[in-house]
Amino acid sequence: MTFDEAFKIVIGHEGGYVNHPSDPGGETKFGVCKRAYPNEDIKNLTLERAKAIYRRDFWDVVHADEIPKHVRFAVFDAAVNSGVKQAVKWLQRAVGVVDDGAIGHKTLSAIVSMDPYKLAAVFNGQRLKFMADLKTWDTFGKGWARRVAENLINLP
């Protein structure tokens, strides 16, 4: 899966402008939230600007082009949905390395040595387990669970 393909799917999950009072990220558009991007004009954010942010701050940071296609989208999607550091920690726990939230040589080596389908399953299990314990699960959990399920259903 390429970045452009992944971005198109994630935008389908994220949608347009929302300012939900229960969302700790605050004002959000295309998945870009005010808490993480306080200097962005969220309400007037363009799709092209959001795409540039996604490429620079999510896809490239999780080394998506270097991880197996079976888990690439799930890691990118998790980084967008829950933050890069948390997504990387789930990935590191799934492959059994120290979960420091940064992808380095040891993490990449462990990722490519693991069966990609098992990695996808364990990664998504880590993600769901974490989200189910969040205080906002009652409000957003059904949507999050559906999102993870779609990722699993659409494994390459």
Protein backbone atom coordinates (compact mmCIF):
# COMPACT_ATOMS: atom_id res chain seq x y z
CA MET A 1 0.00 0.00 0.00
CA THR A 2 1.32 3.41 -0.93
CA PHE A 3 1.03 6.56 1.12
CA ASP A 4 -1.60 7.96 -1.25
CA GLU A 5 -3.73 4.81 -0.92
CA ALA A 6 -3.38 4.79 2.86
CA PHE A 7 -4.19 8.49 3.13
CA LYS A 8 -7.39 8.03 1.14
CA ILE A 9 -8.58 5.30 3.53
CA VAL A 10 -7.62 7.18 6.70
CA ILE A 11 -9.41 10.31 5.54
CA GLY A 12 -12.50 8.12 5.11
CA HIS A 13 -12.20 7.24 8.81
CA GLU A 14 -11.40 10.74 9.97
CA GLY A 15 -13.88 12.83 8.04
CA GLY A 16 -14.40 16.56 8.16
CA TYR A 17 -14.62 19.23 10.82
CA VAL A 18 -15.73 18.18 14.32
CA ASN A 19 -15.57 19.88 17.69
CA HIS A 20 -16.88 17.15 20.01
CA PRO A 21 -16.83 18.15 23.71
CA SER A 22 -15.69 14.65 24.79
CA ASP A 23 -12.72 14.57 22.40
CA PRO A 24 -9.52 15.36 24.32
CA GLY A 25 -7.91 16.47 21.04
CA GLY A 26 -10.40 19.29 20.76
CA GLU A 27 -11.32 20.84 17.44
CA THR A 28 -10.48 18.36 14.65
CA LYS A 29 -10.59 18.26 10.85
CA PHE A 30 -9.35 15.40 8.65
CA GLY A 31 -7.97 13.85 11.86
CA VAL A 32 -5.72 16.82 12.57
CA CYS A 33 -6.54 18.09 16.06
CA LYS A 34 -5.98 21.44 17.72
CA ARG A 35 -4.23 19.91 20.74
CA ALA A 36 -1.50 18.43 18.55
CA TYR A 37 -1.38 21.32 16.08
CA PRO A 38 -2.15 24.48 18.07
CA ASN A 39 -0.82 26.75 15.32
CA GLU A 40 -3.02 25.27 12.58
CA ASP A 41 -6.31 26.89 11.61
CA ILE A 42 -8.22 23.65 12.03
CA LYS A 43 -11.57 24.90 10.77
CA ASN A 44 -10.01 26.09 7.48
CA LEU A 45 -7.48 23.27 7.09
CA THR A 46 -7.27 22.07 3.47
CA LEU A 47 -7.11 18.44 2.46
CA GLU A 48 -3.72 19.06 0.81
CA ARG A 49 -2.31 20.57 4.03
CA ALA A 50 -3.66 17.61 6.01
CA LYS A 51 -2.02 15.24 3.52
CA ALA A 52 1.35 16.96 3.95
CA ILE A 53 1.02 16.68 7.75
CA TYR A 54 0.09 13.00 7.52
CA ARG A 55 3.08 12.21 5.29
CA ARG A 56 5.62 14.13 7.39
CA ASP A 57 4.35 13.47 10.92
CA PHE A 58 2.86 9.99 10.65
CA TRP A 59 3.79 7.90 7.59
CA ASP A 60 7.47 8.87 7.53
CA VAL A 61 7.91 8.79 11.32
CA VAL A 62 6.59 5.21 11.63
CA HIS A 63 8.81 4.13 8.70
CA ALA A 64 5.75 2.86 6.88
CA ASP A 65 7.65 2.23 3.65
CA GLU A 66 9.99 -0.12 5.55
CA ILE A 67 7.45 -2.30 7.35
CA PRO A 68 5.52 -5.22 5.83
CA LYS A 69 2.43 -4.37 3.82
CA HIS A 70 0.32 -6.57 6.11
CA VAL A 71 0.74 -4.18 9.03
CA ARG A 72 1.79 -0.93 7.30
CA PHE A 73 -1.67 0.57 7.09
CA ALA A 74 -2.65 -0.50 10.61
CA VAL A 75 0.42 1.19 12.11
CA PHE A 76 -0.15 4.37 10.09
CA ASP A 77 -3.85 4.40 11.01
CA ALA A 78 -3.03 3.86 14.69
CA ALA A 79 -0.46 6.66 14.61
CA VAL A 80 -3.06 9.03 13.23
CA ASN A 81 -5.75 7.85 15.64
CA SER A 82 -3.71 7.52 18.86
CA GLY A 83 -0.37 9.21 18.22
CA VAL A 84 2.89 8.00 16.75
CA LYS A 85 4.56 7.12 20.04
CA GLN A 86 1.63 4.96 21.18
CA ALA A 87 1.34 3.20 17.80
CA VAL A 88 5.05 2.43 17.82
CA LYS A 89 4.83 1.09 21.38
CA TRP A 90 2.05 -1.31 20.30
CA LEU A 91 4.21 -2.40 17.37
CA GLN A 92 7.23 -2.90 19.62
CA ARG A 93 5.22 -4.93 22.13
CA ALA A 94 3.88 -7.04 19.26
CA VAL A 95 7.42 -7.95 18.13
CA GLY A 96 8.88 -8.29 21.64
CA VAL A 97 11.35 -5.41 21.81
CA VAL A 98 11.66 -2.58 24.33
CA ASP A 99 8.65 -0.30 23.88
CA ASP A 100 10.30 3.11 23.89
CA GLY A 101 8.05 4.55 21.17
CA ALA A 102 10.83 5.12 18.63
CA ILE A 103 11.54 2.90 15.64
CA GLY A 104 15.20 2.05 15.32
CA HIS A 105 17.29 -0.76 13.87
CA LYS A 106 16.28 -3.35 16.52
CA THR A 107 12.60 -2.65 16.06
CA LEU A 108 12.82 -2.78 12.26
CA SER A 109 14.78 -6.05 12.39
CA ALA A 110 12.21 -7.62 14.72
CA ILE A 111 9.33 -6.39 12.53
CA VAL A 112 10.66 -7.94 9.33
CA SER A 113 11.54 -11.23 11.05
CA MET A 114 8.02 -11.84 12.39
CA ASP A 115 5.24 -13.51 10.42
CA PRO A 116 3.36 -10.50 8.99
CA TYR A 117 -0.11 -11.93 9.64
CA LYS A 118 0.72 -12.73 13.25
CA LEU A 119 2.23 -9.26 13.60
CA ALA A 120 -0.95 -7.66 12.26
CA ALA A 121 -3.10 -9.68 14.67
CA VAL A 122 -0.96 -9.00 17.74
CA PHE A 123 -0.55 -5.32 16.87
CA ASN A 124 -4.30 -4.82 16.49
CA GLY A 125 -4.90 -6.76 19.70
CA GLN A 126 -2.53 -4.41 21.53
CA ARG A 127 -4.38 -1.45 20.05
CA LEU A 128 -7.85 -2.66 21.02
CA LYS A 129 -6.75 -3.62 24.53
CA PHE A 130 -5.37 -0.12 25.10
CA MET A 131 -8.40 1.68 23.66
CA ALA A 132 -10.90 -0.42 25.63
CA ASP A 133 -9.35 0.90 28.85
CA LEU A 134 -9.68 4.57 27.88
CA LYS A 135 -12.27 6.66 29.71
CA THR A 136 -13.63 7.78 26.32
CA TRP A 137 -14.35 4.18 25.22
CA ASP A 138 -18.07 4.53 25.98
CA THR A 139 -18.28 7.51 23.61
CA PHE A 140 -15.89 6.49 20.82
CA GLY A 141 -15.24 2.76 21.35
CA LYS A 142 -17.72 1.38 18.83
CA GLY A 143 -16.20 3.50 16.07
CA TRP A 144 -12.64 2.59 17.09
CA ALA A 145 -13.47 -1.12 17.19
CA ARG A 146 -15.11 -0.92 13.78
CA ARG A 147 -12.04 0.87 12.42
CA VAL A 148 -9.67 -1.84 13.70
CA ALA A 149 -12.00 -4.57 12.40
CA GLU A 150 -11.94 -3.00 8.92
CA ASN A 151 -8.14 -2.97 9.03
CA LEU A 152 -8.11 -6.69 9.85
CA ILE A 153 -10.73 -7.58 7.25
CA ASN A 154 -8.75 -5.76 4.55
CA LEU A 155 -5.32 -7.28 5.22
CA PRO A 156 -3.42 -7.75 1.95
